[in-house]
Amino acid sequence: MCLGIPGRIVAIDDPQRRLATVDVAGVRRQINIACIVDEAHPPEACIGDWVLVHVGFAMSRIDEAQAAETLRILAELGEAQEEIAAMRRSVVS
């Protein structure tokens, strides 16, 4: 199943190309943040933001409580492990 999964932006890798590193349950992966940046919220301001990640893109910003609740529900459904395993297989070091 292809889900959006919460992750926290931990680094901006390339602000021009809108690339950042996100941490999803201990797995770090480079993602594109173009959908969540604008003049009022540039890439450099995204560090520490919680986002919903889907197929390598941050689709929307969410708060920490929403992220924790979503991860809890996904874990209960057994879906988080599959998505995290898929991210782990595609980790960029």
PDB file of N, CA and C in Angstrom:
ATOM      1  N   MET A   1       0.853  -1.180   0.000  1.00  0.00           N
ATOM      2  CA  MET A   1       0.000   0.000   0.000  1.00  0.00           C
ATOM      3  C   MET A   1       0.894   1.237   0.000  1.00  0.00           C
ATOM      4  N   CYS A   2       0.491   2.231  -0.650  1.00  0.00           N
ATOM      5  CA  CYS A   2       1.273   3.442  -0.772  1.00  0.00           C
ATOM      6  C   CYS A   2       0.621   4.531   0.088  1.00  0.00           C
ATOM      7  N   LEU A   3       1.288   4.882   1.195  1.00  0.00           N
ATOM      8  CA  LEU A   3       0.743   5.837   2.145  1.00  0.00           C
ATOM      9  C   LEU A   3       1.647   7.042   2.290  1.00  0.00           C
ATOM     10  N   GLY A   4       1.072   8.119   2.773  1.00  0.00           N
ATOM     11  CA  GLY A   4       1.874   9.222   3.248  1.00  0.00           C
ATOM     12  C   GLY A   4       2.254   8.892   4.676  1.00  0.00           C
ATOM     13  N   ILE A   5       3.470   9.194   5.057  1.00  0.00           N
ATOM     14  CA  ILE A   5       3.928   8.858   6.391  1.00  0.00           C
ATOM     15  C   ILE A   5       4.618  10.090   6.988  1.00  0.00           C
ATOM     16  N   PRO A   6       4.388  10.368   8.274  1.00  0.00           N
ATOM     17  CA  PRO A   6       5.002  11.539   8.889  1.00  0.00           C
ATOM     18  C   PRO A   6       6.513  11.396   9.046  1.00  0.00           C
ATOM     19  N   GLY A   7       7.189  12.504   8.824  1.00  0.00           N
ATOM     20  CA  GLY A   7       8.627  12.566   9.031  1.00  0.00           C
ATOM     21  C   GLY A   7       9.009  13.980   9.418  1.00  0.00           C
ATOM     22  N   ARG A   8      10.192  14.118   9.997  1.00  0.00           N
ATOM     23  CA  ARG A   8      10.663  15.428  10.441  1.00  0.00           C
ATOM     24  C   ARG A   8      11.867  15.844   9.604  1.00  0.00           C
ATOM     25  N   ILE A   9      11.834  17.040   9.065  1.00  0.00           N
ATOM     26  CA  ILE A   9      12.944  17.545   8.258  1.00  0.00           C
ATOM     27  C   ILE A   9      14.108  17.848   9.185  1.00  0.00           C
ATOM     28  N   VAL A  10      15.260  17.228   8.893  1.00  0.00           N
ATOM     29  CA  VAL A  10      16.436  17.398   9.752  1.00  0.00           C
ATOM     30  C   VAL A  10      17.557  18.185   9.083  1.00  0.00           C
ATOM     31  N   ALA A  11      17.490  18.350   7.755  1.00  0.00           N
ATOM     32  CA  ALA A  11      18.533  19.106   7.056  1.00  0.00           C
ATOM     33  C   ALA A  11      18.007  19.565   5.706  1.00  0.00           C
ATOM     34  N   ILE A  12      18.524  20.684   5.265  1.00  0.00           N
ATOM     35  CA  ILE A  12      18.261  21.150   3.906  1.00  0.00           C
ATOM     36  C   ILE A  12      19.514  20.820   3.106  1.00  0.00           C
ATOM     37  N   ASP A  13      19.378  19.968   2.106  1.00  0.00           N
ATOM     38  CA  ASP A  13      20.526  19.498   1.333  1.00  0.00           C
ATOM     39  C   ASP A  13      20.854  20.417   0.161  1.00  0.00           C
ATOM     40  N   ASP A  14      19.827  20.913  -0.506  1.00  0.00           N
ATOM     41  CA  ASP A  14      20.018  21.769  -1.678  1.00  0.00           C
ATOM     42  C   ASP A  14      18.808  22.698  -1.791  1.00  0.00           C
ATOM     43  N   PRO A  15      18.919  23.921  -1.248  1.00  0.00           N
ATOM     44  CA  PRO A  15      17.751  24.813  -1.247  1.00  0.00           C
ATOM     45  C   PRO A  15      17.264  25.175  -2.651  1.00  0.00           C
ATOM     46  N   GLN A  16      18.186  25.298  -3.633  1.00  0.00           N
ATOM     47  CA  GLN A  16      17.783  25.637  -5.001  1.00  0.00           C
ATOM     48  C   GLN A  16      16.915  24.549  -5.612  1.00  0.00           C
ATOM     49  N   ARG A  17      17.284  23.299  -5.368  1.00  0.00           N
ATOM     50  CA  ARG A  17      16.535  22.163  -5.939  1.00  0.00           C
ATOM     51  C   ARG A  17      15.449  21.673  -4.992  1.00  0.00           C
ATOM     52  N   ARG A  18      15.292  22.357  -3.851  1.00  0.00           N
ATOM     53  CA  ARG A  18      14.250  22.019  -2.863  1.00  0.00           C
ATOM     54  C   ARG A  18      14.415  20.594  -2.323  1.00  0.00           C
ATOM     55  N   LEU A  19      15.646  20.220  -2.011  1.00  0.00           N
ATOM     56  CA  LEU A  19      15.924  18.890  -1.473  1.00  0.00           C
ATOM     57  C   LEU A  19      16.289  18.986   0.001  1.00  0.00           C
ATOM     58  N   ALA A  20      15.708  18.091   0.778  1.00  0.00           N
ATOM     59  CA  ALA A  20      15.941  18.061   2.213  1.00  0.00           C
ATOM     60  C   ALA A  20      16.054  16.618   2.671  1.00  0.00           C
ATOM     61  N   THR A  21      16.612  16.444   3.872  1.00  0.00           N
ATOM     62  CA  THR A  21      16.647  15.119   4.488  1.00  0.00           C
ATOM     63  C   THR A  21      15.568  15.062   5.547  1.00  0.00           C
ATOM     64  N   VAL A  22      14.780  13.991   5.509  1.00  0.00           N
ATOM     65  CA  VAL A  22      13.724  13.784   6.475  1.00  0.00           C
ATOM     66  C   VAL A  22      14.038  12.530   7.292  1.00  0.00           C
ATOM     67  N   ASP A  23      13.656  12.553   8.565  1.00  0.00           N
ATOM     68  CA  ASP A  23      13.812  11.397   9.442  1.00  0.00           C
ATOM     69  C   ASP A  23      12.432  10.813   9.691  1.00  0.00           C
ATOM     70  N   VAL A  24      12.267   9.556   9.285  1.00  0.00           N
ATOM     71  CA  VAL A  24      11.010   8.842   9.505  1.00  0.00           C
ATOM     72  C   VAL A  24      11.315   7.642  10.385  1.00  0.00           C
ATOM     73  N   ALA A  25      10.970   7.764  11.654  1.00  0.00           N
ATOM     74  CA  ALA A  25      11.176   6.675  12.613  1.00  0.00           C
ATOM     75  C   ALA A  25      12.606   6.143  12.576  1.00  0.00           C
ATOM     76  N   GLY A  26      13.577   7.056  12.483  1.00  0.00           N
ATOM     77  CA  GLY A  26      14.979   6.667  12.494  1.00  0.00           C
ATOM     78  C   GLY A  26      15.587   6.406  11.136  1.00  0.00           C
ATOM     79  N   VAL A  27      14.784   6.408  10.101  1.00  0.00           N
ATOM     80  CA  VAL A  27      15.283   6.226   8.740  1.00  0.00           C
ATOM     81  C   VAL A  27      15.369   7.602   8.091  1.00  0.00           C
ATOM     82  N   ARG A  28      16.547   7.936   7.575  1.00  0.00           N
ATOM     83  CA  ARG A  28      16.733   9.234   6.930  1.00  0.00           C
ATOM     84  C   ARG A  28      16.750   9.057   5.422  1.00  0.00           C
ATOM     85  N   ARG A  29      16.056   9.982   4.770  1.00  0.00           N
ATOM     86  CA  ARG A  29      15.940   9.885   3.323  1.00  0.00           C
ATOM     87  C   ARG A  29      15.822  11.287   2.744  1.00  0.00           C
ATOM     88  N   GLN A  30      16.396  11.467   1.558  1.00  0.00           N
ATOM     89  CA  GLN A  30      16.280  12.754   0.890  1.00  0.00           C
ATOM     90  C   GLN A  30      14.917  12.832   0.203  1.00  0.00           C
ATOM     91  N   ILE A  31      14.260  13.982   0.382  1.00  0.00           N
ATOM     92  CA  ILE A  31      12.951  14.203  -0.231  1.00  0.00           C
ATOM     93  C   ILE A  31      12.920  15.575  -0.884  1.00  0.00           C
ATOM     94  N   ASN A  32      11.907  15.791  -1.689  1.00  0.00           N
ATOM     95  CA  ASN A  32      11.684  17.087  -2.316  1.00  0.00           C
ATOM     96  C   ASN A  32      10.657  17.845  -1.483  1.00  0.00           C
ATOM     97  N   ILE A  33      10.953  19.116  -1.177  1.00  0.00           N
ATOM     98  CA  ILE A  33      10.061  19.920  -0.338  1.00  0.00           C
ATOM     99  C   ILE A  33       9.381  21.044  -1.118  1.00  0.00           C
ATOM    100  N   ALA A  34       9.392  20.966  -2.438  1.00  0.00           N
ATOM    101  CA  ALA A  34       8.832  22.042  -3.274  1.00  0.00           C
ATOM    102  C   ALA A  34       7.364  22.338  -2.952  1.00  0.00           C
ATOM    103  N   CYS A  35       6.606  21.342  -2.543  1.00  0.00           N
ATOM    104  CA  CYS A  35       5.167  21.535  -2.275  1.00  0.00           C
ATOM    105  C   CYS A  35       4.899  22.308  -0.980  1.00  0.00           C
ATOM    106  N   ILE A  36       5.902  22.434  -0.123  1.00  0.00           N
ATOM    107  CA  ILE A  36       5.628  23.071   1.175  1.00  0.00           C
ATOM    108  C   ILE A  36       6.388  24.374   1.385  1.00  0.00           C
ATOM    109  N   VAL A  37       7.132  24.820   0.372  1.00  0.00           N
ATOM    110  CA  VAL A  37       7.875  26.070   0.535  1.00  0.00           C
ATOM    111  C   VAL A  37       7.244  27.172  -0.305  1.00  0.00           C
ATOM    112  N   ASP A  38       7.414  28.392   0.188  1.00  0.00           N
ATOM    113  CA  ASP A  38       7.005  29.584  -0.553  1.00  0.00           C
ATOM    114  C   ASP A  38       7.810  30.751  -0.005  1.00  0.00           C
ATOM    115  N   GLU A  39       7.508  31.950  -0.441  1.00  0.00           N
ATOM    116  CA  GLU A  39       8.293  33.101   0.001  1.00  0.00           C
ATOM    117  C   GLU A  39       8.191  33.306   1.510  1.00  0.00           C
ATOM    118  N   ALA A  40       7.046  33.010   2.086  1.00  0.00           N
ATOM    119  CA  ALA A  40       6.853  33.182   3.526  1.00  0.00           C
ATOM    120  C   ALA A  40       7.496  32.062   4.343  1.00  0.00           C
ATOM    121  N   HIS A  41       7.742  30.920   3.728  1.00  0.00           N
ATOM    122  CA  HIS A  41       8.331  29.773   4.429  1.00  0.00           C
ATOM    123  C   HIS A  41       9.377  29.137   3.506  1.00  0.00           C
ATOM    124  N   PRO A  42      10.575  29.759   3.416  1.00  0.00           N
ATOM    125  CA  PRO A  42      11.623  29.252   2.510  1.00  0.00           C
ATOM    126  C   PRO A  42      12.224  27.941   3.011  1.00  0.00           C
ATOM    127  N   PRO A  43      13.000  27.259   2.173  1.00  0.00           N
ATOM    128  CA  PRO A  43      13.569  25.968   2.567  1.00  0.00           C
ATOM    129  C   PRO A  43      14.308  26.006   3.900  1.00  0.00           C
ATOM    130  N   GLU A  44      15.076  27.064   4.132  1.00  0.00           N
ATOM    131  CA  GLU A  44      15.873  27.127   5.358  1.00  0.00           C
ATOM    132  C   GLU A  44      14.991  27.124   6.609  1.00  0.00           C
ATOM    133  N   ALA A  45      13.744  27.558   6.487  1.00  0.00           N
ATOM    134  CA  ALA A  45      12.828  27.610   7.629  1.00  0.00           C
ATOM    135  C   ALA A  45      12.140  26.268   7.889  1.00  0.00           C
ATOM    136  N   CYS A  46      12.420  25.263   7.059  1.00  0.00           N
ATOM    137  CA  CYS A  46      11.721  23.975   7.187  1.00  0.00           C
ATOM    138  C   CYS A  46      12.368  23.011   8.167  1.00  0.00           C
ATOM    139  N   ILE A  47      13.595  23.290   8.568  1.00  0.00           N
ATOM    140  CA  ILE A  47      14.273  22.364   9.492  1.00  0.00           C
ATOM    141  C   ILE A  47      13.467  22.275  10.779  1.00  0.00           C
ATOM    142  N   GLY A  48      13.155  21.057  11.167  1.00  0.00           N
ATOM    143  CA  GLY A  48      12.366  20.805  12.366  1.00  0.00           C
ATOM    144  C   GLY A  48      10.882  20.637  12.086  1.00  0.00           C
ATOM    145  N   ASP A  49      10.459  20.978  10.876  1.00  0.00           N
ATOM    146  CA  ASP A  49       9.040  20.820  10.525  1.00  0.00           C
ATOM    147  C   ASP A  49       8.673  19.347  10.380  1.00  0.00           C
ATOM    148  N   TRP A  50       7.475  19.020  10.820  1.00  0.00           N
ATOM    149  CA  TRP A  50       6.911  17.693  10.565  1.00  0.00           C
ATOM    150  C   TRP A  50       6.131  17.773   9.263  1.00  0.00           C
ATOM    151  N   VAL A  51       6.327  16.787   8.394  1.00  0.00           N
ATOM    152  CA  VAL A  51       5.656  16.786   7.098  1.00  0.00           C
ATOM    153  C   VAL A  51       5.092  15.404   6.812  1.00  0.00           C
ATOM    154  N   LEU A  52       4.136  15.380   5.901  1.00  0.00           N
ATOM    155  CA  LEU A  52       3.588  14.114   5.423  1.00  0.00           C
ATOM    156  C   LEU A  52       4.318  13.777   4.132  1.00  0.00           C
ATOM    157  N   VAL A  53       5.055  12.653   4.126  1.00  0.00           N
ATOM    158  CA  VAL A  53       5.900  12.262   2.995  1.00  0.00           C
ATOM    159  C   VAL A  53       5.196  11.187   2.173  1.00  0.00           C
ATOM    160  N   HIS A  54       5.179  11.427   0.864  1.00  0.00           N
ATOM    161  CA  HIS A  54       4.590  10.443  -0.048  1.00  0.00           C
ATOM    162  C   HIS A  54       5.443  10.396  -1.309  1.00  0.00           C
ATOM    163  N   VAL A  55       5.900   9.236  -1.676  1.00  0.00           N
ATOM    164  CA  VAL A  55       6.744   8.963  -2.844  1.00  0.00           C
ATOM    165  C   VAL A  55       7.854  10.004  -3.050  1.00  0.00           C
ATOM    166  N   GLY A  56       8.541  10.320  -1.969  1.00  0.00           N
ATOM    167  CA  GLY A  56       9.695  11.201  -2.069  1.00  0.00           C
ATOM    168  C   GLY A  56       9.397  12.683  -2.033  1.00  0.00           C
ATOM    169  N   PHE A  57       8.155  13.044  -1.778  1.00  0.00           N
ATOM    170  CA  PHE A  57       7.777  14.450  -1.693  1.00  0.00           C
ATOM    171  C   PHE A  57       7.127  14.743  -0.345  1.00  0.00           C
ATOM    172  N   ALA A  58       7.446  15.897   0.233  1.00  0.00           N
ATOM    173  CA  ALA A  58       6.716  16.382   1.397  1.00  0.00           C
ATOM    174  C   ALA A  58       5.441  17.008   0.854  1.00  0.00           C
ATOM    175  N   MET A  59       4.299  16.402   1.162  1.00  0.00           N
ATOM    176  CA  MET A  59       3.034  16.850   0.584  1.00  0.00           C
ATOM    177  C   MET A  59       2.382  17.972   1.383  1.00  0.00           C
ATOM    178  N   SER A  60       2.567  17.958   2.702  1.00  0.00           N
ATOM    179  CA  SER A  60       1.993  19.012   3.533  1.00  0.00           C
ATOM    180  C   SER A  60       2.712  19.038   4.870  1.00  0.00           C
ATOM    181  N   ARG A  61       2.619  20.169   5.531  1.00  0.00           N
ATOM    182  CA  ARG A  61       3.196  20.331   6.856  1.00  0.00           C
ATOM    183  C   ARG A  61       2.138  19.891   7.875  1.00  0.00           C
ATOM    184  N   ILE A  62       2.539  19.176   8.912  1.00  0.00           N
ATOM    185  CA  ILE A  62       1.618  18.768   9.970  1.00  0.00           C
ATOM    186  C   ILE A  62       2.280  19.098  11.302  1.00  0.00           C
ATOM    187  N   ASP A  63       1.477  19.137  12.366  1.00  0.00           N
ATOM    188  CA  ASP A  63       2.112  19.422  13.651  1.00  0.00           C
ATOM    189  C   ASP A  63       2.583  18.113  14.296  1.00  0.00           C
ATOM    190  N   GLU A  64       3.393  18.252  15.347  1.00  0.00           N
ATOM    191  CA  GLU A  64       4.008  17.095  15.981  1.00  0.00           C
ATOM    192  C   GLU A  64       2.967  16.134  16.542  1.00  0.00           C
ATOM    193  N   ALA A  65       1.884  16.664  17.101  1.00  0.00           N
ATOM    194  CA  ALA A  65       0.837  15.795  17.661  1.00  0.00           C
ATOM    195  C   ALA A  65       0.159  14.982  16.552  1.00  0.00           C
ATOM    196  N   GLN A  66      -0.105  15.628  15.415  1.00  0.00           N
ATOM    197  CA  GLN A  66      -0.696  14.903  14.274  1.00  0.00           C
ATOM    198  C   GLN A  66       0.262  13.809  13.794  1.00  0.00           C
ATOM    199  N   ALA A  67       1.553  14.131  13.749  1.00  0.00           N
ATOM    200  CA  ALA A  67       2.544  13.155  13.300  1.00  0.00           C
ATOM    201  C   ALA A  67       2.562  11.940  14.229  1.00  0.00           C
ATOM    202  N   ALA A  68       2.592  12.201  15.543  1.00  0.00           N
ATOM    203  CA  ALA A  68       2.629  11.102  16.510  1.00  0.00           C
ATOM    204  C   ALA A  68       1.372  10.241  16.416  1.00  0.00           C
ATOM    205  N   GLU A  69       0.217  10.877  16.300  1.00  0.00           N
ATOM    206  CA  GLU A  69      -1.034  10.132  16.211  1.00  0.00           C
ATOM    207  C   GLU A  69      -1.101   9.315  14.917  1.00  0.00           C
ATOM    208  N   THR A  70      -0.666   9.912  13.811  1.00  0.00           N
ATOM    209  CA  THR A  70      -0.679   9.195  12.536  1.00  0.00           C
ATOM    210  C   THR A  70       0.263   7.994  12.579  1.00  0.00           C
ATOM    211  N   LEU A  71       1.465   8.176  13.145  1.00  0.00           N
ATOM    212  CA  LEU A  71       2.403   7.047  13.255  1.00  0.00           C
ATOM    213  C   LEU A  71       1.833   5.949  14.146  1.00  0.00           C
ATOM    214  N   ARG A  72       1.150   6.348  15.237  1.00  0.00           N
ATOM    215  CA  ARG A  72       0.547   5.352  16.136  1.00  0.00           C
ATOM    216  C   ARG A  72      -0.517   4.545  15.410  1.00  0.00           C
ATOM    217  N   ILE A  73      -1.379   5.224  14.677  1.00  0.00           N
ATOM    218  CA  ILE A  73      -2.451   4.537  13.955  1.00  0.00           C
ATOM    219  C   ILE A  73      -1.873   3.622  12.869  1.00  0.00           C
ATOM    220  N   LEU A  74      -0.887   4.127  12.137  1.00  0.00           N
ATOM    221  CA  LEU A  74      -0.276   3.300  11.088  1.00  0.00           C
ATOM    222  C   LEU A  74       0.378   2.059  11.686  1.00  0.00           C
ATOM    223  N   ALA A  75       1.028   2.231  12.854  1.00  0.00           N
ATOM    224  CA  ALA A  75       1.653   1.080  13.515  1.00  0.00           C
ATOM    225  C   ALA A  75       0.596   0.060  13.929  1.00  0.00           C
ATOM    226  N   GLU A  76      -0.534   0.551  14.451  1.00  0.00           N
ATOM    227  CA  GLU A  76      -1.614  -0.361  14.851  1.00  0.00           C
ATOM    228  C   GLU A  76      -2.157  -1.128  13.653  1.00  0.00           C
ATOM    229  N   LEU A  77      -2.217  -0.457  12.536  1.00  0.00           N
ATOM    230  CA  LEU A  77      -2.723  -1.112  11.321  1.00  0.00           C
ATOM    231  C   LEU A  77      -1.665  -1.980  10.647  1.00  0.00           C
ATOM    232  N   GLY A  78      -0.410  -1.867  11.149  1.00  0.00           N
ATOM    233  CA  GLY A  78       0.667  -2.644  10.543  1.00  0.00           C
ATOM    234  C   GLY A  78       1.174  -2.041   9.254  1.00  0.00           C
ATOM    235  N   GLU A  79       0.781  -0.798   8.970  1.00  0.00           N
ATOM    236  CA  GLU A  79       1.169  -0.163   7.716  1.00  0.00           C
ATOM    237  C   GLU A  79       2.485   0.597   7.833  1.00  0.00           C
ATOM    238  N   ALA A  80       2.792   1.119   9.008  1.00  0.00           N
ATOM    239  CA  ALA A  80       3.991   1.936   9.144  1.00  0.00           C
ATOM    240  C   ALA A  80       5.248   1.119   8.853  1.00  0.00           C
ATOM    241  N   GLN A  81       5.287  -0.108   9.332  1.00  0.00           N
ATOM    242  CA  GLN A  81       6.477  -0.921   9.148  1.00  0.00           C
ATOM    243  C   GLN A  81       6.784  -1.135   7.667  1.00  0.00           C
ATOM    244  N   GLU A  82       5.756  -1.354   6.861  1.00  0.00           N
ATOM    245  CA  GLU A  82       5.957  -1.567   5.429  1.00  0.00           C
ATOM    246  C   GLU A  82       6.527  -0.313   4.762  1.00  0.00           C
ATOM    247  N   GLU A  83       5.952   0.839   5.110  1.00  0.00           N
ATOM    248  CA  GLU A  83       6.425   2.088   4.517  1.00  0.00           C
ATOM    249  C   GLU A  83       7.841   2.417   4.983  1.00  0.00           C
ATOM    250  N   ILE A  84       8.133   2.207   6.277  1.00  0.00           N
ATOM    251  CA  ILE A  84       9.472   2.476   6.793  1.00  0.00           C
ATOM    252  C   ILE A  84      10.474   1.513   6.165  1.00  0.00           C
ATOM    253  N   ALA A  85      10.090   0.258   5.989  1.00  0.00           N
ATOM    254  CA  ALA A  85      10.980  -0.710   5.342  1.00  0.00           C
ATOM    255  C   ALA A  85      11.264  -0.290   3.908  1.00  0.00           C
ATOM    256  N   ALA A  86      10.248   0.221   3.205  1.00  0.00           N
ATOM    257  CA  ALA A  86      10.454   0.693   1.831  1.00  0.00           C
ATOM    258  C   ALA A  86      11.402   1.884   1.819  1.00  0.00           C
ATOM    259  N   MET A  87      11.255   2.790   2.800  1.00  0.00           N
ATOM    260  CA  MET A  87      12.168   3.939   2.875  1.00  0.00           C
ATOM    261  C   MET A  87      13.582   3.470   3.187  1.00  0.00           C
ATOM    262  N   ARG A  88      13.697   2.496   4.094  1.00  0.00           N
ATOM    263  CA  ARG A  88      15.019   1.990   4.473  1.00  0.00           C
ATOM    264  C   ARG A  88      15.735   1.398   3.255  1.00  0.00           C
ATOM    265  N   ARG A  89      14.995   0.726   2.373  1.00  0.00           N
ATOM    266  CA  ARG A  89      15.604   0.142   1.172  1.00  0.00           C
ATOM    267  C   ARG A  89      16.088   1.207   0.198  1.00  0.00           C
ATOM    268  N   SER A  90      15.522   2.405   0.285  1.00  0.00           N
ATOM    269  CA  SER A  90      15.894   3.450  -0.668  1.00  0.00           C
ATOM    270  C   SER A  90      16.668   4.582  -0.005  1.00  0.00           C
ATOM    271  N   VAL A  91      17.291   4.308   1.140  1.00  0.00           N
ATOM    272  CA  VAL A  91      18.043   5.335   1.869  1.00  0.00           C
ATOM    273  C   VAL A  91      19.200   5.837   1.026  1.00  0.00           C
ATOM    274  N   VAL A  92      19.341   7.153   1.045  1.00  0.00           N
ATOM    275  CA  VAL A  92      20.488   7.804   0.414  1.00  0.00           C
ATOM    276  C   VAL A  92      21.450   8.148   1.524  1.00  0.00           C
ATOM    277  N   SER A  93      22.643   7.652   1.452  1.00  0.00           N
ATOM    278  CA  SER A  93      23.603   7.925   2.537  1.00  0.00           C
ATOM    279  C   SER A  93      24.409   9.163   2.286  1.00  0.00           C
TER     280      SER A  93
END
